[in-house]
Amino acid sequence: MFEIKFKVFSNAEIEANNLNGEYGYFYFSIDEDSYGVIISEEINDFSVSIYDWFFSFLSGLKILEDRNYVLINDIESFKIWIEIQRKDDCIYISKASGEKVDGGGLVRTEKILAIEYPYWKNKKIVWSNFRKEIINKATQYLLEISKLNSPGNINILEFKKLIEELS
């Protein structure tokens, strides 16, 4: 089973053109393995860009409609990648380790050299369940950040467009 959880931190002092609710906790689990942190108290040292994680997963979904491989870069770690491979109606997810690539961005479609799997590898998920969980939780996140920001916020409009393209 694949599940995503998140907790948005609201920052009332954020500038108007920035995204309130970008940061907080982001966590996903696949059976007994997981990645990320989610706890009841808000501790900024453990917060990550929820926006980047969802944007990466949504972008990965879009890529996986036509291709069979994508890497999501955990930009807040030194060597962690989430590797996703699609084979027919199944997704295989691995928490991998490898050197970061200059200009690699949040999502890549090419494998990196010397990738290793010291954590977990090839966790199997049905494609439709994977897709549904990402779109549903991204939509929940969009609703939360929409309440915290102005309707014309460029980040929200971009995020909404990506969800609509996948729906």
N, C-alpha and C. Protein backbone atom coordinates (compact mmCIF):
# COMPACT_ATOMS: atom_id res chain seq x y z
N MET A 1 0.82 -1.18 0.00
CA MET A 1 0.00 0.00 0.00
C MET A 1 0.87 1.25 0.00
N PHE A 2 0.54 2.21 -0.82
CA PHE A 2 1.24 3.48 -0.93
C PHE A 2 0.38 4.56 -0.30
N GLU A 3 0.97 5.33 0.61
CA GLU A 3 0.22 6.39 1.28
C GLU A 3 1.10 7.62 1.47
N ILE A 4 0.51 8.79 1.23
CA ILE A 4 1.19 10.07 1.45
C ILE A 4 0.49 10.79 2.59
N LYS A 5 1.30 11.37 3.48
CA LYS A 5 0.79 12.24 4.55
C LYS A 5 1.59 13.54 4.50
N PHE A 6 0.93 14.62 4.87
CA PHE A 6 1.62 15.91 4.94
C PHE A 6 0.98 16.78 6.00
N LYS A 7 1.74 17.74 6.47
CA LYS A 7 1.24 18.72 7.44
C LYS A 7 1.81 20.07 7.05
N VAL A 8 0.93 21.01 6.75
CA VAL A 8 1.32 22.34 6.30
C VAL A 8 1.61 23.22 7.51
N PHE A 9 2.73 23.97 7.43
CA PHE A 9 3.03 25.01 8.41
C PHE A 9 2.58 26.33 7.80
N SER A 10 1.79 27.08 8.51
CA SER A 10 1.34 28.38 8.03
C SER A 10 2.28 29.45 8.56
N ASN A 11 2.66 30.38 7.69
CA ASN A 11 3.56 31.47 8.07
C ASN A 11 2.88 32.78 7.73
N ALA A 12 2.31 33.43 8.72
CA ALA A 12 1.56 34.67 8.50
C ALA A 12 2.45 35.82 8.06
N GLU A 13 3.75 35.71 8.27
CA GLU A 13 4.66 36.81 7.95
C GLU A 13 5.28 36.70 6.57
N ILE A 14 4.79 35.82 5.75
CA ILE A 14 5.39 35.60 4.43
C ILE A 14 5.02 36.74 3.49
N GLU A 15 5.93 37.08 2.57
CA GLU A 15 5.67 38.15 1.61
C GLU A 15 4.55 37.74 0.66
N ALA A 16 3.83 38.72 0.14
CA ALA A 16 2.63 38.48 -0.68
C ALA A 16 2.89 37.60 -1.90
N ASN A 17 4.03 37.74 -2.56
CA ASN A 17 4.28 36.98 -3.79
C ASN A 17 4.87 35.60 -3.52
N ASN A 18 5.19 35.30 -2.27
CA ASN A 18 5.70 33.97 -1.92
C ASN A 18 4.53 33.05 -1.60
N LEU A 19 4.82 31.80 -1.35
CA LEU A 19 3.78 30.80 -1.12
C LEU A 19 3.68 30.46 0.36
N ASN A 20 2.59 30.86 0.99
CA ASN A 20 2.32 30.48 2.37
C ASN A 20 1.85 29.03 2.36
N GLY A 21 2.45 28.21 3.19
CA GLY A 21 2.09 26.79 3.23
C GLY A 21 3.01 25.92 2.40
N GLU A 22 4.07 26.52 1.88
CA GLU A 22 5.01 25.71 1.09
C GLU A 22 5.69 24.66 1.96
N TYR A 23 6.01 25.04 3.19
CA TYR A 23 6.80 24.15 4.05
C TYR A 23 5.95 23.45 5.11
N GLY A 24 6.48 22.34 5.55
CA GLY A 24 5.83 21.54 6.58
C GLY A 24 6.43 20.15 6.55
N TYR A 25 5.63 19.16 6.87
CA TYR A 25 6.09 17.78 6.85
C TYR A 25 5.53 17.07 5.62
N PHE A 26 6.37 16.22 5.04
CA PHE A 26 5.95 15.38 3.92
C PHE A 26 6.47 13.98 4.18
N TYR A 27 5.60 13.01 4.06
CA TYR A 27 5.92 11.63 4.42
C TYR A 27 5.18 10.70 3.47
N PHE A 28 5.85 9.67 3.02
CA PHE A 28 5.14 8.63 2.28
C PHE A 28 5.61 7.27 2.73
N SER A 29 4.69 6.31 2.65
CA SER A 29 5.03 4.95 3.06
C SER A 29 4.58 3.97 2.00
N ILE A 30 5.33 2.90 1.93
CA ILE A 30 5.03 1.78 1.04
C ILE A 30 5.19 0.53 1.89
N ASP A 31 4.07 -0.06 2.21
CA ASP A 31 4.07 -1.21 3.12
C ASP A 31 4.77 -0.82 4.42
N GLU A 32 5.83 -1.52 4.79
CA GLU A 32 6.51 -1.24 6.07
C GLU A 32 7.63 -0.21 5.95
N ASP A 33 7.94 0.24 4.74
CA ASP A 33 9.01 1.22 4.55
C ASP A 33 8.42 2.61 4.34
N SER A 34 9.21 3.63 4.73
CA SER A 34 8.71 5.00 4.62
C SER A 34 9.85 5.97 4.38
N TYR A 35 9.46 7.19 4.03
CA TYR A 35 10.43 8.26 3.84
C TYR A 35 9.80 9.57 4.27
N GLY A 36 10.53 10.34 5.02
CA GLY A 36 10.05 11.63 5.50
C GLY A 36 9.68 11.57 6.97
N VAL A 37 9.21 12.72 7.46
CA VAL A 37 8.86 12.86 8.87
C VAL A 37 7.48 13.49 8.96
N ILE A 38 6.69 12.99 9.88
CA ILE A 38 5.43 13.65 10.21
C ILE A 38 5.17 13.43 11.70
N ILE A 39 5.18 14.53 12.45
CA ILE A 39 4.92 14.48 13.89
C ILE A 39 3.91 15.58 14.23
N SER A 40 3.37 15.53 15.44
CA SER A 40 2.31 16.48 15.80
C SER A 40 2.82 17.91 15.99
N GLU A 41 4.01 18.08 16.55
CA GLU A 41 4.51 19.44 16.76
C GLU A 41 5.19 19.98 15.50
N GLU A 42 5.16 21.29 15.36
CA GLU A 42 5.78 21.94 14.20
C GLU A 42 7.21 22.34 14.56
N ILE A 43 8.17 21.62 14.01
CA ILE A 43 9.58 21.90 14.25
C ILE A 43 10.21 22.24 12.91
N ASN A 44 10.58 23.51 12.75
CA ASN A 44 11.08 23.99 11.45
C ASN A 44 12.29 23.22 10.95
N ASP A 45 13.13 22.73 11.86
CA ASP A 45 14.32 21.99 11.43
C ASP A 45 13.97 20.71 10.66
N PHE A 46 12.78 20.18 10.86
CA PHE A 46 12.34 18.97 10.17
C PHE A 46 11.45 19.26 8.97
N SER A 47 11.17 20.54 8.73
CA SER A 47 10.25 20.87 7.64
C SER A 47 10.95 20.79 6.29
N VAL A 48 10.16 20.50 5.27
CA VAL A 48 10.64 20.41 3.89
C VAL A 48 9.64 21.15 3.01
N SER A 49 9.98 21.31 1.76
CA SER A 49 9.06 21.94 0.82
C SER A 49 8.03 20.91 0.35
N ILE A 50 6.85 20.97 0.94
CA ILE A 50 5.76 20.08 0.53
C ILE A 50 5.44 20.35 -0.93
N TYR A 51 5.46 21.62 -1.29
CA TYR A 51 5.17 22.02 -2.68
C TYR A 51 6.10 21.30 -3.64
N ASP A 52 7.41 21.30 -3.36
CA ASP A 52 8.38 20.64 -4.24
C ASP A 52 8.14 19.14 -4.32
N TRP A 53 7.83 18.52 -3.18
CA TRP A 53 7.59 17.07 -3.19
C TRP A 53 6.38 16.73 -4.05
N PHE A 54 5.27 17.45 -3.83
CA PHE A 54 4.08 17.16 -4.64
C PHE A 54 4.31 17.50 -6.11
N PHE A 55 4.97 18.62 -6.37
CA PHE A 55 5.24 18.99 -7.75
C PHE A 55 6.10 17.92 -8.43
N SER A 56 7.06 17.38 -7.69
CA SER A 56 7.92 16.32 -8.23
C SER A 56 7.13 15.05 -8.51
N PHE A 57 6.29 14.64 -7.56
CA PHE A 57 5.49 13.43 -7.78
C PHE A 57 4.51 13.62 -8.93
N LEU A 58 3.87 14.79 -9.02
CA LEU A 58 2.95 15.06 -10.12
C LEU A 58 3.68 15.07 -11.46
N SER A 59 4.85 15.70 -11.50
CA SER A 59 5.66 15.71 -12.72
C SER A 59 6.09 14.30 -13.09
N GLY A 60 6.46 13.52 -12.08
CA GLY A 60 6.83 12.13 -12.31
C GLY A 60 5.67 11.32 -12.89
N LEU A 61 4.47 11.55 -12.38
CA LEU A 61 3.28 10.88 -12.93
C LEU A 61 3.11 11.19 -14.41
N LYS A 62 3.27 12.46 -14.72
CA LYS A 62 3.10 12.90 -16.11
C LYS A 62 4.12 12.19 -17.01
N ILE A 63 5.35 12.12 -16.56
CA ILE A 63 6.42 11.45 -17.32
C ILE A 63 6.11 9.96 -17.47
N LEU A 64 5.66 9.34 -16.38
CA LEU A 64 5.41 7.89 -16.39
C LEU A 64 4.22 7.48 -17.25
N GLU A 65 3.45 8.43 -17.71
CA GLU A 65 2.37 8.09 -18.65
C GLU A 65 2.94 7.64 -19.99
N ASP A 66 4.14 8.17 -20.34
CA ASP A 66 4.76 7.85 -21.63
C ASP A 66 6.08 7.10 -21.51
N ARG A 67 6.72 7.20 -20.38
CA ARG A 67 8.03 6.57 -20.17
C ARG A 67 7.95 5.59 -19.02
N ASN A 68 9.06 4.90 -18.78
CA ASN A 68 9.01 3.90 -17.71
C ASN A 68 9.99 4.18 -16.57
N TYR A 69 10.62 5.36 -16.55
CA TYR A 69 11.63 5.61 -15.52
C TYR A 69 11.67 7.09 -15.14
N VAL A 70 11.73 7.33 -13.84
CA VAL A 70 11.88 8.70 -13.36
C VAL A 70 12.61 8.67 -12.01
N LEU A 71 13.41 9.69 -11.78
CA LEU A 71 14.10 9.88 -10.50
C LEU A 71 13.61 11.19 -9.89
N ILE A 72 13.24 11.14 -8.62
CA ILE A 72 12.87 12.35 -7.90
C ILE A 72 14.02 12.67 -6.95
N ASN A 73 14.49 13.90 -7.04
CA ASN A 73 15.62 14.36 -6.26
C ASN A 73 15.13 14.92 -4.93
N ASP A 74 15.58 14.34 -3.83
CA ASP A 74 15.32 14.97 -2.54
C ASP A 74 16.36 16.07 -2.39
N ILE A 75 15.98 17.28 -2.79
CA ILE A 75 16.95 18.38 -2.84
C ILE A 75 17.46 18.78 -1.46
N GLU A 76 16.80 18.31 -0.42
CA GLU A 76 17.22 18.67 0.93
C GLU A 76 18.15 17.62 1.55
N SER A 77 18.54 16.63 0.77
CA SER A 77 19.49 15.63 1.24
C SER A 77 20.71 15.64 0.31
N PHE A 78 21.77 15.01 0.76
CA PHE A 78 23.00 15.02 -0.03
C PHE A 78 23.01 14.00 -1.16
N LYS A 79 22.41 12.84 -0.94
CA LYS A 79 22.54 11.77 -1.94
C LYS A 79 21.26 10.98 -2.18
N ILE A 80 20.14 11.39 -1.63
CA ILE A 80 18.93 10.57 -1.71
C ILE A 80 18.12 10.89 -2.98
N TRP A 81 17.72 9.82 -3.64
CA TRP A 81 16.84 9.88 -4.80
C TRP A 81 15.71 8.89 -4.58
N ILE A 82 14.53 9.22 -5.08
CA ILE A 82 13.43 8.27 -5.12
C ILE A 82 13.31 7.82 -6.57
N GLU A 83 13.62 6.56 -6.79
CA GLU A 83 13.61 5.99 -8.14
C GLU A 83 12.26 5.30 -8.38
N ILE A 84 11.63 5.65 -9.49
CA ILE A 84 10.33 5.07 -9.82
C ILE A 84 10.39 4.48 -11.22
N GLN A 85 10.03 3.20 -11.31
CA GLN A 85 10.00 2.52 -12.61
C GLN A 85 8.60 1.98 -12.85
N ARG A 86 8.14 2.12 -14.07
CA ARG A 86 6.82 1.59 -14.42
C ARG A 86 7.00 0.40 -15.36
N LYS A 87 6.35 -0.69 -14.99
CA LYS A 87 6.31 -1.89 -15.83
C LYS A 87 4.86 -2.32 -15.92
N ASP A 88 4.28 -2.12 -17.09
CA ASP A 88 2.86 -2.44 -17.31
C ASP A 88 1.99 -1.67 -16.32
N ASP A 89 1.23 -2.38 -15.50
CA ASP A 89 0.31 -1.73 -14.57
C ASP A 89 0.87 -1.64 -13.15
N CYS A 90 2.19 -1.77 -13.02
CA CYS A 90 2.82 -1.70 -11.70
C CYS A 90 3.92 -0.64 -11.67
N ILE A 91 4.12 -0.11 -10.49
CA ILE A 91 5.19 0.85 -10.22
C ILE A 91 6.13 0.17 -9.23
N TYR A 92 7.42 0.38 -9.41
CA TYR A 92 8.43 -0.12 -8.49
C TYR A 92 9.22 1.08 -7.98
N ILE A 93 9.16 1.30 -6.66
CA ILE A 93 9.80 2.46 -6.06
C ILE A 93 10.97 2.01 -5.20
N SER A 94 12.07 2.77 -5.31
CA SER A 94 13.26 2.50 -4.50
C SER A 94 13.76 3.80 -3.89
N LYS A 95 14.27 3.69 -2.68
CA LYS A 95 14.98 4.80 -2.05
C LYS A 95 16.45 4.54 -2.33
N ALA A 96 17.02 5.36 -3.19
CA ALA A 96 18.37 5.11 -3.69
C ALA A 96 19.35 6.18 -3.20
N SER A 97 20.61 5.87 -3.37
CA SER A 97 21.69 6.79 -3.02
C SER A 97 22.59 6.97 -4.23
N GLY A 98 22.93 8.21 -4.49
CA GLY A 98 23.82 8.49 -5.61
C GLY A 98 24.21 9.95 -5.62
N GLU A 99 25.30 10.24 -6.28
CA GLU A 99 25.78 11.61 -6.35
C GLU A 99 24.76 12.50 -7.04
N LYS A 100 24.63 13.71 -6.54
CA LYS A 100 23.74 14.68 -7.16
C LYS A 100 24.38 15.18 -8.45
N VAL A 101 23.55 15.51 -9.41
CA VAL A 101 24.01 15.93 -10.73
C VAL A 101 23.79 17.43 -10.86
N ASP A 102 24.82 18.15 -11.31
CA ASP A 102 24.67 19.59 -11.51
C ASP A 102 23.55 19.86 -12.48
N GLY A 103 22.68 20.77 -12.11
CA GLY A 103 21.55 21.11 -12.98
C GLY A 103 20.55 19.99 -13.11
N GLY A 104 20.56 19.05 -12.16
CA GLY A 104 19.69 17.88 -12.25
C GLY A 104 18.22 18.18 -12.02
N GLY A 105 17.91 19.26 -11.31
CA GLY A 105 16.53 19.61 -11.05
C GLY A 105 15.83 18.66 -10.10
N LEU A 106 14.53 18.82 -10.00
CA LEU A 106 13.74 18.00 -9.08
C LEU A 106 13.45 16.61 -9.64
N VAL A 107 13.29 16.53 -10.96
CA VAL A 107 12.90 15.26 -11.59
C VAL A 107 13.80 15.00 -12.79
N ARG A 108 14.27 13.76 -12.90
CA ARG A 108 15.12 13.34 -14.03
C ARG A 108 14.53 12.11 -14.69
N THR A 109 14.83 11.96 -15.96
CA THR A 109 14.40 10.76 -16.68
C THR A 109 15.57 9.86 -17.03
N GLU A 110 16.78 10.32 -16.73
CA GLU A 110 17.97 9.51 -17.00
C GLU A 110 18.51 8.95 -15.68
N LYS A 111 19.00 7.72 -15.74
CA LYS A 111 19.63 7.14 -14.56
C LYS A 111 20.92 7.88 -14.26
N ILE A 112 21.28 7.88 -12.98
CA ILE A 112 22.56 8.48 -12.60
C ILE A 112 23.59 7.36 -12.47
N LEU A 113 24.84 7.73 -12.62
CA LEU A 113 25.91 6.75 -12.51
C LEU A 113 26.07 6.30 -11.06
N ALA A 114 26.45 5.10 -10.88
CA ALA A 114 26.78 4.52 -9.57
C ALA A 114 25.65 4.67 -8.55
N ILE A 115 24.44 4.42 -8.98
CA ILE A 115 23.31 4.45 -8.04
C ILE A 115 23.34 3.19 -7.18
N GLU A 116 23.09 3.36 -5.89
CA GLU A 116 23.10 2.25 -4.95
C GLU A 116 21.77 2.19 -4.21
N TYR A 117 21.49 1.04 -3.62
CA TYR A 117 20.21 0.82 -2.94
C TYR A 117 20.43 0.34 -1.50
N PRO A 118 20.97 1.20 -0.63
CA PRO A 118 21.23 0.77 0.74
C PRO A 118 19.99 0.78 1.64
N TYR A 119 18.89 1.30 1.16
CA TYR A 119 17.69 1.47 1.99
C TYR A 119 16.64 0.43 1.63
N TRP A 120 15.86 0.68 0.61
CA TRP A 120 14.87 -0.28 0.13
C TRP A 120 14.76 -0.16 -1.37
N LYS A 121 14.33 -1.28 -1.98
CA LYS A 121 14.37 -1.34 -3.45
C LYS A 121 13.14 -2.08 -3.98
N ASN A 122 12.65 -1.57 -5.12
CA ASN A 122 11.58 -2.20 -5.90
C ASN A 122 10.33 -2.55 -5.09
N LYS A 123 9.85 -1.57 -4.34
CA LYS A 123 8.57 -1.74 -3.64
C LYS A 123 7.46 -1.64 -4.68
N LYS A 124 6.65 -2.67 -4.77
CA LYS A 124 5.64 -2.77 -5.83
C LYS A 124 4.32 -2.12 -5.43
N ILE A 125 3.77 -1.32 -6.36
CA ILE A 125 2.49 -0.66 -6.17
C ILE A 125 1.73 -0.74 -7.49
N VAL A 126 0.44 -0.93 -7.42
CA VAL A 126 -0.38 -0.90 -8.62
C VAL A 126 -0.44 0.54 -9.13
N TRP A 127 -0.19 0.73 -10.44
CA TRP A 127 -0.13 2.05 -11.07
C TRP A 127 -1.35 2.91 -10.72
N SER A 128 -2.55 2.35 -10.84
CA SER A 128 -3.77 3.14 -10.60
C SER A 128 -3.86 3.61 -9.14
N ASN A 129 -3.43 2.79 -8.20
CA ASN A 129 -3.43 3.18 -6.78
C ASN A 129 -2.41 4.28 -6.51
N PHE A 130 -1.23 4.14 -7.10
CA PHE A 130 -0.16 5.13 -6.98
C PHE A 130 -0.63 6.48 -7.51
N ARG A 131 -1.17 6.46 -8.71
CA ARG A 131 -1.64 7.67 -9.38
C ARG A 131 -2.76 8.35 -8.58
N LYS A 132 -3.71 7.54 -8.13
CA LYS A 132 -4.86 8.06 -7.38
C LYS A 132 -4.41 8.72 -6.08
N GLU A 133 -3.51 8.09 -5.34
CA GLU A 133 -3.03 8.64 -4.07
C GLU A 133 -2.32 9.97 -4.29
N ILE A 134 -1.48 10.06 -5.29
CA ILE A 134 -0.76 11.31 -5.55
C ILE A 134 -1.73 12.42 -5.93
N ILE A 135 -2.62 12.15 -6.85
CA ILE A 135 -3.56 13.20 -7.29
C ILE A 135 -4.50 13.61 -6.16
N ASN A 136 -5.02 12.66 -5.40
CA ASN A 136 -5.91 12.99 -4.29
C ASN A 136 -5.23 13.83 -3.22
N LYS A 137 -4.02 13.43 -2.82
CA LYS A 137 -3.33 14.17 -1.76
C LYS A 137 -2.82 15.52 -2.28
N ALA A 138 -2.41 15.59 -3.53
CA ALA A 138 -1.99 16.87 -4.11
C ALA A 138 -3.18 17.82 -4.17
N THR A 139 -4.36 17.31 -4.47
CA THR A 139 -5.57 18.13 -4.49
C THR A 139 -5.91 18.63 -3.09
N GLN A 140 -5.76 17.79 -2.08
CA GLN A 140 -5.97 18.21 -0.69
C GLN A 140 -4.99 19.33 -0.32
N TYR A 141 -3.73 19.14 -0.72
CA TYR A 141 -2.71 20.16 -0.44
C TYR A 141 -3.07 21.47 -1.14
N LEU A 142 -3.50 21.39 -2.39
CA LEU A 142 -3.90 22.58 -3.14
C LEU A 142 -5.02 23.33 -2.41
N LEU A 143 -6.00 22.61 -1.90
CA LEU A 143 -7.09 23.24 -1.16
C LEU A 143 -6.57 23.95 0.09
N GLU A 144 -5.64 23.33 0.80
CA GLU A 144 -5.08 23.94 2.01
C GLU A 144 -4.30 25.21 1.70
N ILE A 145 -3.43 25.16 0.69
CA ILE A 145 -2.62 26.35 0.41
C ILE A 145 -3.45 27.44 -0.27
N SER A 146 -4.52 27.07 -0.93
CA SER A 146 -5.40 28.07 -1.55
C SER A 146 -6.07 28.94 -0.49
N LYS A 147 -6.33 28.38 0.68
CA LYS A 147 -6.93 29.14 1.79
C LYS A 147 -5.93 30.13 2.40
N LEU A 148 -4.64 29.85 2.24
CA LEU A 148 -3.60 30.66 2.88
C LEU A 148 -3.03 31.74 1.97
N ASN A 149 -3.38 31.73 0.69
CA ASN A 149 -2.77 32.63 -0.29
C ASN A 149 -3.82 33.33 -1.13
N SER A 150 -3.37 34.34 -1.86
CA SER A 150 -4.29 35.04 -2.76
C SER A 150 -4.61 34.14 -3.95
N PRO A 151 -5.79 34.29 -4.55
CA PRO A 151 -6.21 33.43 -5.67
C PRO A 151 -5.28 33.50 -6.88
N GLY A 152 -4.60 34.62 -7.06
CA GLY A 152 -3.74 34.78 -8.23
C GLY A 152 -2.29 34.36 -8.01
N ASN A 153 -1.99 33.71 -6.88
CA ASN A 153 -0.61 33.29 -6.61
C ASN A 153 -0.13 32.37 -7.73
N ILE A 154 0.97 32.74 -8.36
CA ILE A 154 1.49 32.02 -9.53
C ILE A 154 1.81 30.56 -9.21
N ASN A 155 2.33 30.30 -8.01
CA ASN A 155 2.65 28.91 -7.63
C ASN A 155 1.40 28.05 -7.55
N ILE A 156 0.34 28.61 -7.00
CA ILE A 156 -0.92 27.87 -6.89
C ILE A 156 -1.51 27.62 -8.27
N LEU A 157 -1.48 28.62 -9.13
CA LEU A 157 -2.01 28.46 -10.49
C LEU A 157 -1.25 27.38 -11.26
N GLU A 158 0.07 27.38 -11.11
CA GLU A 158 0.91 26.37 -11.78
C GLU A 158 0.62 24.97 -11.25
N PHE A 159 0.49 24.87 -9.95
CA PHE A 159 0.20 23.59 -9.29
C PHE A 159 -1.16 23.06 -9.72
N LYS A 160 -2.16 23.94 -9.72
CA LYS A 160 -3.52 23.57 -10.12
C LYS A 160 -3.54 23.08 -11.57
N LYS A 161 -2.80 23.76 -12.44
CA LYS A 161 -2.75 23.37 -13.85
C LYS A 161 -2.19 21.96 -14.01
N LEU A 162 -1.13 21.65 -13.26
CA LEU A 162 -0.52 20.32 -13.35
C LEU A 162 -1.51 19.24 -12.88
N ILE A 163 -2.22 19.50 -11.81
CA ILE A 163 -3.23 18.53 -11.34
C ILE A 163 -4.31 18.34 -12.40
N GLU A 164 -4.77 19.44 -12.98
CA GLU A 164 -5.82 19.35 -14.00
C GLU A 164 -5.36 18.56 -15.22
N GLU A 165 -4.10 18.71 -15.60
CA GLU A 165 -3.56 17.96 -16.74
C GLU A 165 -3.57 16.46 -16.48
N LEU A 166 -3.45 16.07 -15.23
CA LEU A 166 -3.39 14.65 -14.87
C LEU A 166 -4.76 14.06 -14.53
N SER A 167 -5.74 14.91 -14.31
CA SER A 167 -7.07 14.43 -13.91
C SER A 167 -7.92 14.03 -15.10
